[in-house]
Amino acid sequence: MIGEPIDAVEQGLATILAVLRKDPYALESAYLSVITFGTATKQIVLFTELWYKFVFY
């Protein structure tokens, strides 16, 4: 994925994180996984606790 589609994904993730950072309880209970769909389905990022990875960025 390149160009506008990946930019939209990055903007979407930034928006999700911005909203979650406003509510610490929501951030502590949110997990993220990245799955790609193409000729094969792949889980690129396993379920990850967002507060642990992104709370300080």
N, C-alpha and C. Protein backbone atom coordinates (compact mmCIF):
# COMPACT_ATOMS: atom_id res chain seq x y z
N MET A 1 0.85 -1.17 0.00
CA MET A 1 0.00 0.00 0.00
C MET A 1 0.89 1.23 0.00
N ILE A 2 0.61 2.13 -0.89
CA ILE A 2 1.40 3.36 -0.99
C ILE A 2 0.48 4.54 -1.25
N GLY A 3 1.02 5.71 -1.07
CA GLY A 3 0.30 6.92 -1.44
C GLY A 3 -0.89 7.22 -0.55
N GLU A 4 -1.97 7.62 -1.19
CA GLU A 4 -3.16 8.06 -0.47
C GLU A 4 -3.77 6.99 0.45
N PRO A 5 -3.84 5.72 0.04
CA PRO A 5 -4.41 4.72 0.95
C PRO A 5 -3.65 4.58 2.28
N ILE A 6 -2.33 4.52 2.22
CA ILE A 6 -1.57 4.37 3.47
C ILE A 6 -1.62 5.65 4.29
N ASP A 7 -1.69 6.79 3.62
CA ASP A 7 -1.85 8.06 4.33
C ASP A 7 -3.16 8.07 5.12
N ALA A 8 -4.22 7.53 4.52
CA ALA A 8 -5.52 7.46 5.19
C ALA A 8 -5.46 6.54 6.40
N VAL A 9 -4.74 5.43 6.30
CA VAL A 9 -4.59 4.51 7.44
C VAL A 9 -3.82 5.21 8.56
N GLU A 10 -2.73 5.88 8.22
CA GLU A 10 -1.94 6.58 9.23
C GLU A 10 -2.75 7.68 9.91
N GLN A 11 -3.54 8.41 9.14
CA GLN A 11 -4.38 9.47 9.71
C GLN A 11 -5.45 8.87 10.63
N GLY A 12 -6.01 7.75 10.21
CA GLY A 12 -7.02 7.08 11.04
C GLY A 12 -6.45 6.62 12.37
N LEU A 13 -5.26 6.04 12.34
CA LEU A 13 -4.61 5.60 13.59
C LEU A 13 -4.27 6.80 14.47
N ALA A 14 -3.82 7.87 13.88
CA ALA A 14 -3.52 9.08 14.66
C ALA A 14 -4.78 9.61 15.32
N THR A 15 -5.89 9.58 14.61
CA THR A 15 -7.16 10.04 15.17
C THR A 15 -7.61 9.15 16.32
N ILE A 16 -7.52 7.85 16.13
CA ILE A 16 -7.88 6.91 17.20
C ILE A 16 -7.05 7.18 18.45
N LEU A 17 -5.75 7.32 18.29
CA LEU A 17 -4.88 7.57 19.44
C LEU A 17 -5.19 8.90 20.12
N ALA A 18 -5.47 9.93 19.33
CA ALA A 18 -5.79 11.24 19.90
C ALA A 18 -7.06 11.17 20.75
N VAL A 19 -8.05 10.46 20.27
CA VAL A 19 -9.30 10.31 21.02
C VAL A 19 -9.07 9.49 22.28
N LEU A 20 -8.33 8.39 22.16
CA LEU A 20 -8.09 7.53 23.31
C LEU A 20 -7.25 8.21 24.39
N ARG A 21 -6.33 9.06 23.99
CA ARG A 21 -5.49 9.76 24.97
C ARG A 21 -6.30 10.70 25.86
N LYS A 22 -7.47 11.11 25.40
CA LYS A 22 -8.33 11.99 26.19
C LYS A 22 -9.06 11.23 27.29
N ASP A 23 -9.11 9.91 27.19
CA ASP A 23 -9.79 9.07 28.17
C ASP A 23 -8.85 7.95 28.61
N PRO A 24 -8.15 8.13 29.74
CA PRO A 24 -7.17 7.15 30.17
C PRO A 24 -7.75 5.75 30.37
N TYR A 25 -8.99 5.66 30.80
CA TYR A 25 -9.60 4.34 30.99
C TYR A 25 -9.80 3.63 29.66
N ALA A 26 -10.20 4.38 28.65
CA ALA A 26 -10.37 3.80 27.32
C ALA A 26 -9.02 3.36 26.76
N LEU A 27 -8.01 4.20 26.93
CA LEU A 27 -6.68 3.88 26.41
C LEU A 27 -6.13 2.61 27.06
N GLU A 28 -6.38 2.44 28.35
CA GLU A 28 -5.88 1.25 29.05
C GLU A 28 -6.57 -0.03 28.61
N SER A 29 -7.75 0.08 28.02
CA SER A 29 -8.49 -1.12 27.63
C SER A 29 -8.48 -1.36 26.12
N ALA A 30 -7.77 -0.53 25.37
CA ALA A 30 -7.76 -0.66 23.91
C ALA A 30 -6.56 -1.48 23.44
N TYR A 31 -6.79 -2.31 22.46
CA TYR A 31 -5.76 -3.12 21.84
C TYR A 31 -5.81 -2.87 20.33
N LEU A 32 -4.69 -3.06 19.67
CA LEU A 32 -4.62 -2.86 18.23
C LEU A 32 -3.96 -4.07 17.58
N SER A 33 -4.46 -4.44 16.44
CA SER A 33 -3.84 -5.47 15.61
C SER A 33 -3.92 -4.98 14.18
N VAL A 34 -2.87 -5.21 13.41
CA VAL A 34 -2.87 -4.83 12.00
C VAL A 34 -2.89 -6.10 11.17
N ILE A 35 -3.90 -6.19 10.32
CA ILE A 35 -4.08 -7.36 9.46
C ILE A 35 -4.12 -6.88 8.01
N THR A 36 -3.35 -7.53 7.15
CA THR A 36 -3.37 -7.18 5.73
C THR A 36 -4.16 -8.25 4.96
N PHE A 37 -4.83 -7.79 3.93
CA PHE A 37 -5.60 -8.69 3.07
C PHE A 37 -5.12 -8.50 1.64
N GLY A 38 -4.65 -9.55 1.07
CA GLY A 38 -4.18 -9.51 -0.32
C GLY A 38 -4.33 -10.92 -0.87
N THR A 39 -3.29 -11.41 -1.52
CA THR A 39 -3.34 -12.80 -1.97
C THR A 39 -3.35 -13.74 -0.78
N ALA A 40 -2.81 -13.26 0.35
CA ALA A 40 -2.84 -14.00 1.61
C ALA A 40 -3.15 -13.02 2.73
N THR A 41 -3.82 -13.52 3.76
CA THR A 41 -4.12 -12.69 4.92
C THR A 41 -2.98 -12.85 5.93
N LYS A 42 -2.47 -11.71 6.41
CA LYS A 42 -1.36 -11.75 7.36
C LYS A 42 -1.65 -10.82 8.53
N GLN A 43 -1.33 -11.28 9.72
CA GLN A 43 -1.42 -10.41 10.90
C GLN A 43 -0.03 -9.82 11.09
N ILE A 44 0.12 -8.56 10.71
CA ILE A 44 1.40 -7.88 10.72
C ILE A 44 1.80 -7.47 12.15
N VAL A 45 0.84 -6.97 12.91
CA VAL A 45 1.08 -6.59 14.30
C VAL A 45 0.11 -7.39 15.16
N LEU A 46 0.65 -8.18 16.09
CA LEU A 46 -0.19 -8.94 17.00
C LEU A 46 -0.94 -7.98 17.92
N PHE A 47 -1.99 -8.46 18.58
CA PHE A 47 -2.73 -7.61 19.51
C PHE A 47 -1.76 -6.95 20.46
N THR A 48 -1.82 -5.64 20.51
CA THR A 48 -0.89 -4.83 21.30
C THR A 48 -1.68 -3.87 22.17
N GLU A 49 -1.30 -3.79 23.45
CA GLU A 49 -1.93 -2.83 24.34
C GLU A 49 -1.47 -1.43 23.93
N LEU A 50 -2.42 -0.57 23.62
CA LEU A 50 -2.06 0.76 23.13
C LEU A 50 -1.42 1.63 24.20
N TRP A 51 -1.90 1.56 25.43
CA TRP A 51 -1.34 2.45 26.46
C TRP A 51 0.14 2.16 26.66
N TYR A 52 0.53 0.93 26.55
CA TYR A 52 1.91 0.54 26.76
C TYR A 52 2.82 1.07 25.65
N LYS A 53 2.33 1.06 24.43
CA LYS A 53 3.14 1.45 23.28
C LYS A 53 3.07 2.94 22.96
N PHE A 54 1.91 3.57 23.20
CA PHE A 54 1.68 4.89 22.62
C PHE A 54 1.36 5.99 23.62
N VAL A 55 1.28 5.69 24.88
CA VAL A 55 0.84 6.69 25.83
C VAL A 55 1.84 7.85 25.97
N PHE A 56 3.10 7.60 25.74
CA PHE A 56 4.11 8.63 25.95
C PHE A 56 4.53 9.35 24.67
N TYR A 57 3.93 8.99 23.54
CA TYR A 57 4.32 9.63 22.28
C TYR A 57 3.46 10.82 22.00
